[in-house]
Amino acid sequence: MGNRKSSALSKEILDDLKLNTKYTEEELSKWYESFKKQCPDGKISKTDFEKIYANFFPNSDPKAYANHVFRSFDTNDDGTLDFREYIIALHMTSSGKTVLKLEWAFSLFDVDKNGEVSKAEVLEIITAIFKMIPLEEQKQLSDDENTPQKRADKLWKYFNKKEN
């Protein structure tokens, strides 16, 4: 391991994250140590990400939604999340500015990454979300949104979009 790169967070990534998030150098260093313990190779695979979601939603099927979230966070499209992508995602979804949250939400719904959101993409995301809602709770939803199709139709109508 003598030729192996140091496991310390690089100054370039640290400076980038301090500039683009609300986190301090100390917080980022702590996050990085924890990340390296959980992911010694410095990356989170899609499978590992799915397992994380499964822990948060043990009584449902979060796999499809986890895949969409993973896709939206994997900004370099390499099939893994590195520390930078992980922290940017954490910041964006928890404490980022509203515009960043909206950009992330758009990227989540823009499944094919063509810069537009189609009704089919809305239905795909809503269907994935419904798989995480226990059946008992789905039964309690109002009649106009108690299926993925009805909810997608309602959302599409709300935004006054054409049929496609």
N, C-alpha and C. Protein backbone atom coordinates (compact mmCIF):
# COMPACT_ATOMS: atom_id res chain seq x y z
N MET A 1 0.81 -1.20 0.00
CA MET A 1 0.00 0.00 0.00
C MET A 1 0.85 1.26 0.00
N GLY A 2 2.15 1.11 -0.13
CA GLY A 2 3.03 2.26 -0.10
C GLY A 2 2.77 3.26 -1.20
N ASN A 3 2.36 2.80 -2.37
CA ASN A 3 2.10 3.70 -3.49
C ASN A 3 0.66 4.21 -3.48
N ARG A 4 -0.11 3.72 -2.57
CA ARG A 4 -1.52 4.11 -2.53
C ARG A 4 -1.67 5.56 -2.09
N LYS A 5 -2.62 6.23 -2.73
CA LYS A 5 -2.90 7.62 -2.41
C LYS A 5 -3.41 7.75 -0.97
N SER A 6 -3.12 8.84 -0.34
CA SER A 6 -3.56 9.09 1.03
C SER A 6 -5.08 9.03 1.11
N SER A 7 -5.56 8.57 2.25
CA SER A 7 -7.01 8.49 2.42
C SER A 7 -7.60 9.81 2.91
N ALA A 8 -6.77 10.83 3.04
CA ALA A 8 -7.27 12.13 3.46
C ALA A 8 -8.03 12.79 2.31
N LEU A 9 -8.98 13.61 2.67
CA LEU A 9 -9.76 14.36 1.69
C LEU A 9 -8.86 15.37 1.00
N SER A 10 -8.88 15.39 -0.33
CA SER A 10 -8.00 16.30 -1.06
C SER A 10 -8.41 17.76 -0.82
N LYS A 11 -7.44 18.64 -0.87
CA LYS A 11 -7.69 20.07 -0.67
C LYS A 11 -8.65 20.60 -1.73
N GLU A 12 -8.50 20.12 -2.96
CA GLU A 12 -9.35 20.56 -4.06
C GLU A 12 -10.82 20.23 -3.79
N ILE A 13 -11.09 19.01 -3.37
CA ILE A 13 -12.47 18.60 -3.08
C ILE A 13 -12.99 19.32 -1.84
N LEU A 14 -12.15 19.44 -0.82
CA LEU A 14 -12.53 20.14 0.40
C LEU A 14 -12.90 21.59 0.09
N ASP A 15 -12.07 22.29 -0.67
CA ASP A 15 -12.35 23.68 -1.03
C ASP A 15 -13.63 23.79 -1.84
N ASP A 16 -13.83 22.87 -2.77
CA ASP A 16 -15.03 22.87 -3.60
C ASP A 16 -16.28 22.68 -2.74
N LEU A 17 -16.23 21.74 -1.81
CA LEU A 17 -17.39 21.48 -0.95
C LEU A 17 -17.65 22.63 0.02
N LYS A 18 -16.60 23.25 0.53
CA LYS A 18 -16.80 24.41 1.42
C LYS A 18 -17.46 25.54 0.65
N LEU A 19 -17.10 25.69 -0.61
CA LEU A 19 -17.65 26.76 -1.44
C LEU A 19 -19.11 26.48 -1.82
N ASN A 20 -19.44 25.22 -2.06
CA ASN A 20 -20.75 24.87 -2.60
C ASN A 20 -21.74 24.29 -1.60
N THR A 21 -21.35 24.21 -0.34
CA THR A 21 -22.28 23.74 0.69
C THR A 21 -22.16 24.66 1.90
N LYS A 22 -22.98 24.39 2.90
CA LYS A 22 -22.93 25.17 4.14
C LYS A 22 -21.99 24.54 5.16
N TYR A 23 -21.36 23.44 4.81
CA TYR A 23 -20.56 22.68 5.76
C TYR A 23 -19.17 23.29 5.97
N THR A 24 -18.70 23.19 7.21
CA THR A 24 -17.37 23.68 7.56
C THR A 24 -16.33 22.60 7.24
N GLU A 25 -15.07 23.00 7.28
CA GLU A 25 -13.99 22.05 7.03
C GLU A 25 -14.02 20.92 8.06
N GLU A 26 -14.29 21.27 9.31
CA GLU A 26 -14.36 20.26 10.37
C GLU A 26 -15.50 19.27 10.12
N GLU A 27 -16.67 19.79 9.75
CA GLU A 27 -17.81 18.92 9.47
C GLU A 27 -17.52 18.00 8.29
N LEU A 28 -16.94 18.58 7.25
CA LEU A 28 -16.63 17.78 6.06
C LEU A 28 -15.61 16.69 6.37
N SER A 29 -14.64 17.01 7.19
CA SER A 29 -13.63 16.01 7.57
C SER A 29 -14.27 14.86 8.35
N LYS A 30 -15.19 15.19 9.25
CA LYS A 30 -15.89 14.15 10.01
C LYS A 30 -16.76 13.29 9.10
N TRP A 31 -17.48 13.95 8.18
CA TRP A 31 -18.31 13.23 7.22
C TRP A 31 -17.44 12.29 6.39
N TYR A 32 -16.27 12.79 5.99
CA TYR A 32 -15.38 12.00 5.14
C TYR A 32 -14.87 10.76 5.88
N GLU A 33 -14.49 10.93 7.14
CA GLU A 33 -14.02 9.78 7.92
C GLU A 33 -15.11 8.72 8.03
N SER A 34 -16.32 9.15 8.28
CA SER A 34 -17.45 8.23 8.37
C SER A 34 -17.71 7.56 7.02
N PHE A 35 -17.66 8.35 5.96
CA PHE A 35 -17.87 7.84 4.60
C PHE A 35 -16.83 6.76 4.27
N LYS A 36 -15.57 7.02 4.59
CA LYS A 36 -14.49 6.08 4.29
C LYS A 36 -14.63 4.78 5.10
N LYS A 37 -15.16 4.89 6.31
CA LYS A 37 -15.39 3.68 7.11
C LYS A 37 -16.48 2.82 6.47
N GLN A 38 -17.54 3.48 6.01
CA GLN A 38 -18.65 2.77 5.38
C GLN A 38 -18.32 2.30 3.96
N CYS A 39 -17.50 3.09 3.27
CA CYS A 39 -17.16 2.83 1.87
C CYS A 39 -15.65 2.94 1.70
N PRO A 40 -14.91 1.91 2.09
CA PRO A 40 -13.45 1.98 2.05
C PRO A 40 -12.86 2.31 0.68
N ASP A 41 -13.58 1.93 -0.38
CA ASP A 41 -13.07 2.23 -1.72
C ASP A 41 -13.44 3.64 -2.18
N GLY A 42 -14.15 4.38 -1.32
CA GLY A 42 -14.48 5.77 -1.63
C GLY A 42 -15.68 5.95 -2.54
N LYS A 43 -16.46 4.90 -2.73
CA LYS A 43 -17.62 4.98 -3.62
C LYS A 43 -18.79 4.20 -3.03
N ILE A 44 -20.00 4.67 -3.34
CA ILE A 44 -21.22 3.95 -2.97
C ILE A 44 -21.79 3.38 -4.26
N SER A 45 -21.98 2.08 -4.30
CA SER A 45 -22.56 1.45 -5.49
C SER A 45 -24.08 1.62 -5.46
N LYS A 46 -24.71 1.40 -6.60
CA LYS A 46 -26.16 1.48 -6.66
C LYS A 46 -26.79 0.44 -5.73
N THR A 47 -26.20 -0.74 -5.67
CA THR A 47 -26.71 -1.80 -4.79
C THR A 47 -26.64 -1.38 -3.32
N ASP A 48 -25.52 -0.79 -2.93
CA ASP A 48 -25.38 -0.32 -1.55
C ASP A 48 -26.38 0.80 -1.25
N PHE A 49 -26.60 1.68 -2.22
CA PHE A 49 -27.55 2.77 -2.06
C PHE A 49 -28.96 2.20 -1.87
N GLU A 50 -29.30 1.18 -2.64
CA GLU A 50 -30.60 0.52 -2.50
C GLU A 50 -30.76 -0.07 -1.10
N LYS A 51 -29.68 -0.65 -0.58
CA LYS A 51 -29.73 -1.23 0.77
C LYS A 51 -29.96 -0.15 1.83
N ILE A 52 -29.34 1.00 1.64
CA ILE A 52 -29.55 2.13 2.56
C ILE A 52 -31.03 2.51 2.57
N TYR A 53 -31.61 2.65 1.38
CA TYR A 53 -33.04 2.99 1.28
C TYR A 53 -33.90 1.89 1.90
N ALA A 54 -33.53 0.65 1.69
CA ALA A 54 -34.31 -0.47 2.25
C ALA A 54 -34.34 -0.40 3.77
N ASN A 55 -33.26 0.08 4.38
CA ASN A 55 -33.23 0.24 5.84
C ASN A 55 -34.20 1.32 6.31
N PHE A 56 -34.36 2.37 5.51
CA PHE A 56 -35.27 3.45 5.87
C PHE A 56 -36.73 3.09 5.61
N PHE A 57 -36.97 2.18 4.68
CA PHE A 57 -38.33 1.79 4.31
C PHE A 57 -38.45 0.26 4.36
N PRO A 58 -38.35 -0.32 5.56
CA PRO A 58 -38.31 -1.79 5.67
C PRO A 58 -39.61 -2.49 5.29
N ASN A 59 -40.73 -1.79 5.33
CA ASN A 59 -42.02 -2.42 5.04
C ASN A 59 -42.57 -2.06 3.67
N SER A 60 -41.68 -1.68 2.77
CA SER A 60 -42.13 -1.31 1.43
C SER A 60 -41.04 -1.66 0.43
N ASP A 61 -41.24 -1.23 -0.81
CA ASP A 61 -40.29 -1.54 -1.88
C ASP A 61 -39.68 -0.24 -2.42
N PRO A 62 -38.58 0.21 -1.84
CA PRO A 62 -37.99 1.49 -2.25
C PRO A 62 -37.00 1.38 -3.41
N LYS A 63 -36.81 0.18 -3.97
CA LYS A 63 -35.75 -0.02 -4.96
C LYS A 63 -35.88 0.91 -6.17
N ALA A 64 -37.05 1.00 -6.77
CA ALA A 64 -37.22 1.84 -7.96
C ALA A 64 -36.94 3.30 -7.64
N TYR A 65 -37.47 3.78 -6.53
CA TYR A 65 -37.23 5.17 -6.16
C TYR A 65 -35.75 5.40 -5.84
N ALA A 66 -35.14 4.47 -5.12
CA ALA A 66 -33.72 4.59 -4.79
C ALA A 66 -32.89 4.67 -6.07
N ASN A 67 -33.26 3.90 -7.08
CA ASN A 67 -32.54 3.97 -8.36
C ASN A 67 -32.66 5.34 -9.01
N HIS A 68 -33.84 5.94 -8.94
CA HIS A 68 -34.03 7.28 -9.51
C HIS A 68 -33.24 8.33 -8.73
N VAL A 69 -33.27 8.22 -7.42
CA VAL A 69 -32.51 9.16 -6.59
C VAL A 69 -31.02 9.00 -6.87
N PHE A 70 -30.57 7.77 -6.93
CA PHE A 70 -29.16 7.49 -7.23
C PHE A 70 -28.76 8.12 -8.57
N ARG A 71 -29.59 7.91 -9.59
CA ARG A 71 -29.32 8.48 -10.92
C ARG A 71 -29.18 9.99 -10.85
N SER A 72 -30.05 10.63 -10.09
CA SER A 72 -30.01 12.09 -10.01
C SER A 72 -28.78 12.59 -9.24
N PHE A 73 -28.25 11.79 -8.33
CA PHE A 73 -27.06 12.17 -7.57
C PHE A 73 -25.76 11.83 -8.29
N ASP A 74 -25.78 10.82 -9.13
CA ASP A 74 -24.58 10.37 -9.85
C ASP A 74 -24.31 11.31 -11.03
N THR A 75 -23.80 12.48 -10.71
CA THR A 75 -23.67 13.53 -11.72
C THR A 75 -22.65 13.24 -12.81
N ASN A 76 -21.69 12.36 -12.55
CA ASN A 76 -20.72 12.03 -13.60
C ASN A 76 -21.07 10.72 -14.31
N ASP A 77 -22.22 10.15 -13.99
CA ASP A 77 -22.75 8.95 -14.65
C ASP A 77 -21.78 7.77 -14.67
N ASP A 78 -21.03 7.59 -13.58
CA ASP A 78 -20.10 6.46 -13.54
C ASP A 78 -20.67 5.25 -12.79
N GLY A 79 -21.93 5.34 -12.37
CA GLY A 79 -22.56 4.21 -11.69
C GLY A 79 -22.24 4.10 -10.21
N THR A 80 -21.55 5.10 -9.66
CA THR A 80 -21.24 5.13 -8.24
C THR A 80 -21.39 6.56 -7.73
N LEU A 81 -21.47 6.69 -6.41
CA LEU A 81 -21.45 8.01 -5.79
C LEU A 81 -20.14 8.15 -5.04
N ASP A 82 -19.37 9.16 -5.39
CA ASP A 82 -18.15 9.44 -4.63
C ASP A 82 -18.50 10.41 -3.50
N PHE A 83 -17.52 10.74 -2.69
CA PHE A 83 -17.79 11.59 -1.52
C PHE A 83 -18.36 12.94 -1.93
N ARG A 84 -17.81 13.54 -2.97
CA ARG A 84 -18.29 14.85 -3.41
C ARG A 84 -19.77 14.77 -3.81
N GLU A 85 -20.13 13.80 -4.64
CA GLU A 85 -21.52 13.65 -5.06
C GLU A 85 -22.43 13.41 -3.85
N TYR A 86 -21.95 12.61 -2.92
CA TYR A 86 -22.71 12.30 -1.72
C TYR A 86 -23.00 13.55 -0.90
N ILE A 87 -21.98 14.36 -0.66
CA ILE A 87 -22.14 15.57 0.16
C ILE A 87 -22.99 16.61 -0.56
N ILE A 88 -22.76 16.79 -1.85
CA ILE A 88 -23.58 17.74 -2.62
C ILE A 88 -25.04 17.31 -2.56
N ALA A 89 -25.30 16.03 -2.71
CA ALA A 89 -26.67 15.52 -2.64
C ALA A 89 -27.28 15.75 -1.27
N LEU A 90 -26.52 15.46 -0.24
CA LEU A 90 -26.99 15.67 1.13
C LEU A 90 -27.32 17.14 1.36
N HIS A 91 -26.44 18.01 0.94
CA HIS A 91 -26.65 19.44 1.10
C HIS A 91 -27.88 19.91 0.32
N MET A 92 -27.96 19.50 -0.94
CA MET A 92 -29.04 19.94 -1.81
C MET A 92 -30.41 19.56 -1.25
N THR A 93 -30.51 18.33 -0.79
CA THR A 93 -31.82 17.84 -0.36
C THR A 93 -32.19 18.23 1.06
N SER A 94 -31.21 18.59 1.87
CA SER A 94 -31.53 18.90 3.27
C SER A 94 -31.46 20.38 3.60
N SER A 95 -30.49 21.07 3.05
CA SER A 95 -30.31 22.45 3.50
C SER A 95 -29.94 23.41 2.38
N GLY A 96 -29.97 22.93 1.17
CA GLY A 96 -29.61 23.79 0.05
C GLY A 96 -30.66 24.85 -0.21
N LYS A 97 -30.31 25.79 -1.06
CA LYS A 97 -31.24 26.84 -1.44
C LYS A 97 -32.40 26.23 -2.23
N THR A 98 -33.52 26.93 -2.21
CA THR A 98 -34.72 26.45 -2.88
C THR A 98 -34.44 26.14 -4.35
N VAL A 99 -33.70 27.00 -5.01
CA VAL A 99 -33.43 26.77 -6.43
C VAL A 99 -32.66 25.46 -6.64
N LEU A 100 -31.76 25.12 -5.72
CA LEU A 100 -31.03 23.85 -5.83
C LEU A 100 -31.96 22.66 -5.63
N LYS A 101 -32.88 22.80 -4.69
CA LYS A 101 -33.84 21.72 -4.46
C LYS A 101 -34.74 21.52 -5.67
N LEU A 102 -35.13 22.63 -6.29
CA LEU A 102 -35.96 22.54 -7.49
C LEU A 102 -35.18 21.91 -8.64
N GLU A 103 -33.92 22.28 -8.79
CA GLU A 103 -33.09 21.68 -9.84
C GLU A 103 -32.94 20.18 -9.60
N TRP A 104 -32.76 19.80 -8.34
CA TRP A 104 -32.65 18.37 -8.04
C TRP A 104 -33.96 17.66 -8.35
N ALA A 105 -35.08 18.24 -7.94
CA ALA A 105 -36.38 17.62 -8.20
C ALA A 105 -36.59 17.44 -9.70
N PHE A 106 -36.20 18.46 -10.48
CA PHE A 106 -36.32 18.34 -11.93
C PHE A 106 -35.46 17.18 -12.44
N SER A 107 -34.21 17.09 -11.95
CA SER A 107 -33.33 16.01 -12.41
C SER A 107 -33.87 14.64 -12.02
N LEU A 108 -34.56 14.57 -10.90
CA LEU A 108 -35.18 13.31 -10.48
C LEU A 108 -36.26 12.89 -11.47
N PHE A 109 -37.10 13.84 -11.89
CA PHE A 109 -38.20 13.54 -12.80
C PHE A 109 -37.75 13.42 -14.25
N ASP A 110 -36.64 14.04 -14.62
CA ASP A 110 -36.13 13.97 -15.99
C ASP A 110 -35.35 12.67 -16.17
N VAL A 111 -36.08 11.58 -16.21
CA VAL A 111 -35.49 10.23 -16.20
C VAL A 111 -34.52 10.03 -17.36
N ASP A 112 -34.88 10.48 -18.55
CA ASP A 112 -34.02 10.25 -19.71
C ASP A 112 -32.98 11.35 -19.92
N LYS A 113 -32.95 12.31 -19.02
CA LYS A 113 -31.95 13.40 -19.03
C LYS A 113 -31.94 14.20 -20.34
N ASN A 114 -33.14 14.43 -20.89
CA ASN A 114 -33.22 15.21 -22.13
C ASN A 114 -33.57 16.68 -21.90
N GLY A 115 -33.64 17.09 -20.64
CA GLY A 115 -33.94 18.48 -20.33
C GLY A 115 -35.42 18.80 -20.26
N GLU A 116 -36.26 17.78 -20.40
CA GLU A 116 -37.71 17.96 -20.33
C GLU A 116 -38.30 16.84 -19.47
N VAL A 117 -39.46 17.11 -18.89
CA VAL A 117 -40.15 16.09 -18.10
C VAL A 117 -41.45 15.74 -18.83
N SER A 118 -41.59 14.47 -19.16
CA SER A 118 -42.80 14.01 -19.85
C SER A 118 -43.79 13.45 -18.82
N LYS A 119 -45.03 13.28 -19.26
CA LYS A 119 -46.04 12.71 -18.38
C LYS A 119 -45.66 11.27 -18.00
N ALA A 120 -45.06 10.54 -18.94
CA ALA A 120 -44.63 9.17 -18.65
C ALA A 120 -43.56 9.16 -17.56
N GLU A 121 -42.67 10.15 -17.56
CA GLU A 121 -41.64 10.23 -16.52
C GLU A 121 -42.26 10.56 -15.17
N VAL A 122 -43.24 11.46 -15.17
CA VAL A 122 -43.94 11.78 -13.92
C VAL A 122 -44.60 10.51 -13.36
N LEU A 123 -45.26 9.76 -14.23
CA LEU A 123 -45.91 8.52 -13.81
C LEU A 123 -44.87 7.52 -13.27
N GLU A 124 -43.73 7.43 -13.92
CA GLU A 124 -42.68 6.50 -13.47
C GLU A 124 -42.20 6.84 -12.05
N ILE A 125 -41.98 8.13 -11.79
CA ILE A 125 -41.51 8.53 -10.46
C ILE A 125 -42.62 8.35 -9.42
N ILE A 126 -43.84 8.75 -9.76
CA ILE A 126 -44.96 8.59 -8.83
C ILE A 126 -45.18 7.11 -8.51
N THR A 127 -45.06 6.25 -9.51
CA THR A 127 -45.20 4.81 -9.29
C THR A 127 -44.13 4.31 -8.32
N ALA A 128 -42.90 4.78 -8.50
CA ALA A 128 -41.81 4.39 -7.60
C ALA A 128 -42.09 4.86 -6.17
N ILE A 129 -42.63 6.07 -6.04
CA ILE A 129 -42.96 6.60 -4.72
C ILE A 129 -44.08 5.77 -4.08
N PHE A 130 -45.09 5.42 -4.88
CA PHE A 130 -46.20 4.63 -4.35
C PHE A 130 -45.73 3.29 -3.80
N LYS A 131 -44.69 2.71 -4.39
CA LYS A 131 -44.17 1.43 -3.91
C LYS A 131 -43.60 1.54 -2.50
N MET A 132 -43.32 2.76 -2.07
CA MET A 132 -42.78 2.97 -0.72
C MET A 132 -43.88 3.26 0.30
N ILE A 133 -45.09 3.47 -0.17
CA ILE A 133 -46.21 3.78 0.72
C ILE A 133 -46.93 2.48 1.08
N PRO A 134 -47.01 2.16 2.35
CA PRO A 134 -47.73 0.93 2.74
C PRO A 134 -49.16 0.94 2.21
N LEU A 135 -49.68 -0.24 1.87
CA LEU A 135 -51.02 -0.35 1.30
C LEU A 135 -52.09 0.28 2.18
N GLU A 136 -51.94 0.13 3.50
CA GLU A 136 -52.93 0.71 4.41
C GLU A 136 -53.01 2.23 4.23
N GLU A 137 -51.85 2.85 4.05
CA GLU A 137 -51.82 4.31 3.85
C GLU A 137 -52.33 4.68 2.47
N GLN A 138 -52.05 3.87 1.47
CA GLN A 138 -52.55 4.16 0.12
C GLN A 138 -54.08 4.16 0.12
N LYS A 139 -54.67 3.25 0.89
CA LYS A 139 -56.13 3.16 0.95
C LYS A 139 -56.75 4.41 1.57
N GLN A 140 -55.97 5.15 2.35
CA GLN A 140 -56.48 6.35 3.00
C GLN A 140 -56.35 7.60 2.12
N LEU A 141 -55.69 7.48 0.98
CA LEU A 141 -55.55 8.63 0.09
C LEU A 141 -56.89 8.97 -0.54
N SER A 142 -57.06 10.23 -0.90
CA SER A 142 -58.32 10.65 -1.52
C SER A 142 -58.50 9.95 -2.87
N ASP A 143 -59.75 9.84 -3.30
CA ASP A 143 -60.07 9.11 -4.53
C ASP A 143 -59.35 9.65 -5.76
N ASP A 144 -59.06 10.95 -5.76
CA ASP A 144 -58.42 11.52 -6.96
C ASP A 144 -56.90 11.34 -6.98
N GLU A 145 -56.35 10.68 -5.95
CA GLU A 145 -54.91 10.42 -5.97
C GLU A 145 -54.53 9.11 -5.28
N ASN A 146 -55.41 8.13 -5.34
CA ASN A 146 -55.14 6.87 -4.65
C ASN A 146 -54.47 5.81 -5.53
N THR A 147 -54.08 6.20 -6.75
CA THR A 147 -53.27 5.33 -7.61
C THR A 147 -52.17 6.20 -8.23
N PRO A 148 -51.09 5.58 -8.66
CA PRO A 148 -50.04 6.38 -9.31
C PRO A 148 -50.57 7.14 -10.53
N GLN A 149 -51.41 6.50 -11.33
CA GLN A 149 -51.94 7.16 -12.52
C GLN A 149 -52.77 8.39 -12.15
N LYS A 150 -53.65 8.25 -11.17
CA LYS A 150 -54.49 9.38 -10.76
C LYS A 150 -53.63 10.52 -10.20
N ARG A 151 -52.64 10.16 -9.40
CA ARG A 151 -51.76 11.19 -8.81
C ARG A 151 -50.95 11.89 -9.89
N ALA A 152 -50.43 11.12 -10.85
CA ALA A 152 -49.66 11.71 -11.95
C ALA A 152 -50.56 12.62 -12.80
N ASP A 153 -51.79 12.17 -13.08
CA ASP A 153 -52.73 12.99 -13.84
C ASP A 153 -53.02 14.30 -13.11
N LYS A 154 -53.23 14.21 -11.81
CA LYS A 154 -53.52 15.40 -11.01
C LYS A 154 -52.33 16.36 -11.01
N LEU A 155 -51.15 15.83 -10.85
CA LEU A 155 -49.94 16.66 -10.86
C LEU A 155 -49.74 17.30 -12.23
N TRP A 156 -49.93 16.51 -13.27
CA TRP A 156 -49.77 17.01 -14.64
C TRP A 156 -50.77 18.14 -14.91
N LYS A 157 -52.00 17.94 -14.49
CA LYS A 157 -53.04 18.96 -14.68
C LYS A 157 -52.71 20.22 -13.89
N TYR A 158 -52.20 20.05 -12.68
CA TYR A 158 -51.84 21.19 -11.83
C TYR A 158 -50.84 22.10 -12.54
N PHE A 159 -49.91 21.50 -13.25
CA PHE A 159 -48.91 22.29 -13.95
C PHE A 159 -49.36 22.69 -15.36
N ASN A 160 -50.64 22.40 -15.67
CA ASN A 160 -51.23 22.80 -16.95
C ASN A 160 -50.40 22.38 -18.15
N LYS A 161 -49.97 21.14 -18.14
CA LYS A 161 -49.14 20.63 -19.23
C LYS A 161 -50.03 20.00 -20.30
N LYS A 162 -49.53 20.01 -21.55
CA LYS A 162 -50.20 19.27 -22.61
C LYS A 162 -50.07 17.79 -22.30
N GLU A 163 -50.79 16.96 -23.02
CA GLU A 163 -50.85 15.53 -22.70
C GLU A 163 -49.48 14.86 -22.69
N ASN A 164 -48.54 15.28 -23.50
CA ASN A 164 -47.21 14.67 -23.49
C ASN A 164 -46.20 15.63 -22.96
